[in-house]
Amino acid sequence: MDIFLQDKQMENQQIQYTLEQRKELLLEYVRENNCVPQYRTEYKQCKLGAFYKHLKSKVKSIDSLIYKEYEDNQIIKQNLDRYLQFR
């Protein structure tokens, strides 16, 4: 029973990242893995896949601020282009 309670306490003590920190983690993840995170991807105790999906859903066109922010990264840019194409 004690192990169960310890696990629950550890789950509740997850790190809270700011928006800027999550953006940096996303870029770091893409550089390391050469792909965008899938929806269930967790990276350094951050639900990075869910964050990226939410971020991607806000992109409405190539004129979007989010799109312009990530267009320097070819992997993310290609994924966003594909998203916009099939939207």
N, C-alpha and C. Protein backbone atom coordinates (compact mmCIF):
# COMPACT_ATOMS: atom_id res chain seq x y z
N MET A 1 0.82 -1.19 0.00
CA MET A 1 0.00 0.00 0.00
C MET A 1 0.86 1.26 0.00
N ASP A 2 1.97 1.23 0.73
CA ASP A 2 2.85 2.39 0.78
C ASP A 2 3.45 2.70 -0.59
N ILE A 3 3.79 1.67 -1.34
CA ILE A 3 4.36 1.87 -2.67
C ILE A 3 3.34 2.54 -3.58
N PHE A 4 2.09 2.13 -3.48
CA PHE A 4 1.02 2.74 -4.27
C PHE A 4 0.90 4.22 -3.95
N LEU A 5 0.92 4.58 -2.67
CA LEU A 5 0.81 5.98 -2.26
C LEU A 5 2.02 6.79 -2.71
N GLN A 6 3.20 6.19 -2.67
CA GLN A 6 4.40 6.89 -3.14
C GLN A 6 4.32 7.16 -4.63
N ASP A 7 3.82 6.19 -5.40
CA ASP A 7 3.67 6.38 -6.84
C ASP A 7 2.68 7.50 -7.13
N LYS A 8 1.59 7.56 -6.39
CA LYS A 8 0.59 8.61 -6.59
C LYS A 8 1.17 9.98 -6.26
N GLN A 9 1.98 10.05 -5.21
CA GLN A 9 2.60 11.32 -4.84
C GLN A 9 3.58 11.76 -5.92
N MET A 10 4.31 10.83 -6.51
CA MET A 10 5.25 11.16 -7.58
C MET A 10 4.51 11.68 -8.81
N GLU A 11 3.35 11.10 -9.12
CA GLU A 11 2.55 11.56 -10.25
C GLU A 11 2.08 13.00 -10.03
N ASN A 12 1.72 13.31 -8.80
CA ASN A 12 1.23 14.65 -8.49
C ASN A 12 2.35 15.69 -8.47
N GLN A 13 3.59 15.27 -8.41
CA GLN A 13 4.72 16.19 -8.34
C GLN A 13 5.38 16.41 -9.70
N GLN A 14 4.62 16.26 -10.78
CA GLN A 14 5.18 16.47 -12.10
C GLN A 14 5.62 17.92 -12.25
N ILE A 15 6.62 18.10 -13.06
CA ILE A 15 7.17 19.43 -13.30
C ILE A 15 6.19 20.24 -14.13
N GLN A 16 5.99 21.48 -13.76
CA GLN A 16 5.14 22.39 -14.52
C GLN A 16 6.04 23.26 -15.39
N TYR A 17 5.92 23.07 -16.70
CA TYR A 17 6.73 23.83 -17.64
C TYR A 17 5.95 25.04 -18.15
N THR A 18 6.67 26.13 -18.41
CA THR A 18 6.06 27.30 -19.03
C THR A 18 5.92 27.05 -20.52
N LEU A 19 5.20 27.92 -21.19
CA LEU A 19 5.02 27.79 -22.63
C LEU A 19 6.36 27.83 -23.36
N GLU A 20 7.21 28.74 -22.98
CA GLU A 20 8.52 28.86 -23.61
C GLU A 20 9.38 27.61 -23.38
N GLN A 21 9.31 27.07 -22.18
CA GLN A 21 10.06 25.85 -21.88
C GLN A 21 9.56 24.68 -22.72
N ARG A 22 8.24 24.59 -22.90
CA ARG A 22 7.68 23.52 -23.73
C ARG A 22 8.11 23.67 -25.18
N LYS A 23 8.15 24.89 -25.66
CA LYS A 23 8.60 25.13 -27.03
C LYS A 23 10.05 24.69 -27.20
N GLU A 24 10.88 25.00 -26.22
CA GLU A 24 12.28 24.58 -26.27
C GLU A 24 12.41 23.06 -26.19
N LEU A 25 11.59 22.43 -25.34
CA LEU A 25 11.59 20.96 -25.26
C LEU A 25 11.17 20.34 -26.58
N LEU A 26 10.21 20.94 -27.25
CA LEU A 26 9.76 20.44 -28.55
C LEU A 26 10.91 20.48 -29.56
N LEU A 27 11.60 21.59 -29.63
CA LEU A 27 12.73 21.71 -30.55
C LEU A 27 13.84 20.73 -30.19
N GLU A 28 14.10 20.57 -28.91
CA GLU A 28 15.12 19.63 -28.45
C GLU A 28 14.74 18.20 -28.83
N TYR A 29 13.48 17.85 -28.62
CA TYR A 29 12.99 16.50 -28.95
C TYR A 29 13.15 16.24 -30.45
N VAL A 30 12.76 17.19 -31.26
CA VAL A 30 12.84 17.02 -32.72
C VAL A 30 14.30 16.88 -33.17
N ARG A 31 15.18 17.67 -32.58
CA ARG A 31 16.61 17.56 -32.93
C ARG A 31 17.17 16.18 -32.57
N GLU A 32 16.79 15.67 -31.43
CA GLU A 32 17.31 14.38 -30.96
C GLU A 32 16.72 13.19 -31.71
N ASN A 33 15.43 13.27 -32.07
CA ASN A 33 14.73 12.11 -32.62
C ASN A 33 14.42 12.21 -34.12
N ASN A 34 14.69 13.36 -34.70
CA ASN A 34 14.42 13.59 -36.13
C ASN A 34 12.98 13.30 -36.52
N CYS A 35 12.06 13.58 -35.63
CA CYS A 35 10.63 13.43 -35.93
C CYS A 35 9.84 14.27 -34.92
N VAL A 36 8.60 14.56 -35.27
CA VAL A 36 7.73 15.27 -34.33
C VAL A 36 7.15 14.25 -33.35
N PRO A 37 6.79 14.68 -32.15
CA PRO A 37 6.26 13.73 -31.17
C PRO A 37 4.86 13.26 -31.52
N GLN A 38 4.58 12.00 -31.26
CA GLN A 38 3.25 11.45 -31.39
C GLN A 38 2.41 11.91 -30.20
N TYR A 39 1.11 11.74 -30.29
CA TYR A 39 0.21 12.30 -29.27
C TYR A 39 0.54 11.85 -27.85
N ARG A 40 0.91 10.61 -27.66
CA ARG A 40 1.16 10.09 -26.30
C ARG A 40 2.62 10.22 -25.85
N THR A 41 3.40 10.93 -26.58
CA THR A 41 4.82 11.07 -26.25
C THR A 41 5.02 11.94 -25.02
N GLU A 42 5.79 11.40 -24.07
CA GLU A 42 6.23 12.18 -22.91
C GLU A 42 7.73 12.31 -22.99
N TYR A 43 8.23 13.50 -22.73
CA TYR A 43 9.65 13.78 -22.82
C TYR A 43 10.03 14.66 -21.64
N LYS A 44 10.92 14.18 -20.82
CA LYS A 44 11.35 14.91 -19.62
C LYS A 44 10.15 15.34 -18.77
N GLN A 45 9.27 14.40 -18.52
CA GLN A 45 8.07 14.58 -17.70
C GLN A 45 7.14 15.67 -18.25
N CYS A 46 7.16 15.86 -19.56
CA CYS A 46 6.27 16.82 -20.21
C CYS A 46 5.49 16.06 -21.28
N LYS A 47 4.19 16.23 -21.29
CA LYS A 47 3.35 15.57 -22.29
C LYS A 47 3.50 16.33 -23.61
N LEU A 48 4.62 16.09 -24.23
CA LEU A 48 5.02 16.86 -25.40
C LEU A 48 4.14 16.57 -26.62
N GLY A 49 3.68 15.35 -26.76
CA GLY A 49 2.82 15.01 -27.89
C GLY A 49 1.51 15.77 -27.85
N ALA A 50 0.90 15.82 -26.69
CA ALA A 50 -0.37 16.55 -26.52
C ALA A 50 -0.14 18.04 -26.74
N PHE A 51 0.98 18.55 -26.26
CA PHE A 51 1.31 19.96 -26.45
C PHE A 51 1.45 20.27 -27.93
N TYR A 52 2.16 19.41 -28.66
CA TYR A 52 2.36 19.66 -30.09
C TYR A 52 1.04 19.57 -30.86
N LYS A 53 0.21 18.63 -30.50
CA LYS A 53 -1.10 18.51 -31.17
C LYS A 53 -1.92 19.77 -30.95
N HIS A 54 -1.92 20.27 -29.73
CA HIS A 54 -2.65 21.50 -29.42
C HIS A 54 -2.07 22.69 -30.19
N LEU A 55 -0.76 22.77 -30.23
CA LEU A 55 -0.09 23.85 -30.94
C LEU A 55 -0.42 23.79 -32.43
N LYS A 56 -0.37 22.58 -32.97
CA LYS A 56 -0.65 22.38 -34.40
C LYS A 56 -2.09 22.75 -34.74
N SER A 57 -3.01 22.48 -33.83
CA SER A 57 -4.43 22.77 -34.10
C SER A 57 -4.69 24.28 -34.20
N LYS A 58 -3.79 25.08 -33.67
CA LYS A 58 -3.95 26.53 -33.74
C LYS A 58 -3.43 27.13 -35.04
N VAL A 59 -2.71 26.34 -35.82
CA VAL A 59 -2.17 26.82 -37.09
C VAL A 59 -3.27 26.77 -38.13
N LYS A 60 -3.62 27.92 -38.68
CA LYS A 60 -4.70 28.00 -39.68
C LYS A 60 -4.17 28.22 -41.09
N SER A 61 -2.96 28.79 -41.21
CA SER A 61 -2.37 29.03 -42.52
C SER A 61 -0.87 29.24 -42.34
N ILE A 62 -0.18 29.40 -43.46
CA ILE A 62 1.27 29.63 -43.37
C ILE A 62 1.58 31.02 -42.86
N ASP A 63 0.57 31.86 -42.73
CA ASP A 63 0.76 33.20 -42.17
C ASP A 63 0.62 33.23 -40.65
N SER A 64 0.29 32.11 -40.07
CA SER A 64 0.11 32.01 -38.62
C SER A 64 1.44 32.26 -37.90
N LEU A 65 1.36 32.89 -36.75
CA LEU A 65 2.56 33.18 -35.95
C LEU A 65 3.26 31.89 -35.52
N ILE A 66 2.48 30.88 -35.19
CA ILE A 66 3.06 29.61 -34.76
C ILE A 66 3.83 28.97 -35.91
N TYR A 67 3.24 29.01 -37.10
CA TYR A 67 3.92 28.45 -38.27
C TYR A 67 5.24 29.18 -38.51
N LYS A 68 5.20 30.48 -38.45
CA LYS A 68 6.42 31.28 -38.70
C LYS A 68 7.48 31.04 -37.63
N GLU A 69 7.03 30.77 -36.43
CA GLU A 69 7.96 30.52 -35.33
C GLU A 69 8.77 29.23 -35.55
N TYR A 70 8.14 28.24 -36.17
CA TYR A 70 8.78 26.93 -36.35
C TYR A 70 9.24 26.65 -37.77
N GLU A 71 9.11 27.60 -38.69
CA GLU A 71 9.47 27.32 -40.08
C GLU A 71 10.97 27.12 -40.29
N ASP A 72 11.79 27.51 -39.35
CA ASP A 72 13.23 27.27 -39.45
C ASP A 72 13.58 25.80 -39.25
N ASN A 73 12.76 25.09 -38.52
CA ASN A 73 12.99 23.67 -38.30
C ASN A 73 12.28 22.89 -39.40
N GLN A 74 13.05 22.25 -40.28
CA GLN A 74 12.48 21.59 -41.46
C GLN A 74 11.52 20.45 -41.11
N ILE A 75 11.80 19.71 -40.07
CA ILE A 75 10.95 18.58 -39.70
C ILE A 75 9.58 19.07 -39.25
N ILE A 76 9.56 20.08 -38.39
CA ILE A 76 8.28 20.63 -37.93
C ILE A 76 7.56 21.32 -39.08
N LYS A 77 8.30 22.05 -39.90
CA LYS A 77 7.70 22.75 -41.04
C LYS A 77 7.03 21.76 -41.99
N GLN A 78 7.69 20.67 -42.30
CA GLN A 78 7.11 19.67 -43.19
C GLN A 78 5.84 19.07 -42.59
N ASN A 79 5.87 18.82 -41.28
CA ASN A 79 4.69 18.27 -40.62
C ASN A 79 3.54 19.27 -40.63
N LEU A 80 3.83 20.53 -40.39
CA LEU A 80 2.78 21.56 -40.43
C LEU A 80 2.24 21.75 -41.84
N ASP A 81 3.12 21.69 -42.84
CA ASP A 81 2.68 21.79 -44.23
C ASP A 81 1.72 20.66 -44.57
N ARG A 82 2.08 19.45 -44.15
CA ARG A 82 1.22 18.29 -44.39
C ARG A 82 -0.12 18.45 -43.66
N TYR A 83 -0.06 18.96 -42.45
CA TYR A 83 -1.28 19.20 -41.68
C TYR A 83 -2.19 20.19 -42.40
N LEU A 84 -1.62 21.28 -42.88
CA LEU A 84 -2.41 22.29 -43.57
C LEU A 84 -2.97 21.78 -44.90
N GLN A 85 -2.21 20.94 -45.56
CA GLN A 85 -2.62 20.40 -46.85
C GLN A 85 -3.85 19.50 -46.70
N PHE A 86 -3.87 18.66 -45.68
CA PHE A 86 -4.94 17.69 -45.51
C PHE A 86 -6.01 18.13 -44.52
N ARG A 87 -5.96 19.33 -44.12
CA ARG A 87 -6.91 19.87 -43.16
C ARG A 87 -8.28 20.03 -43.73
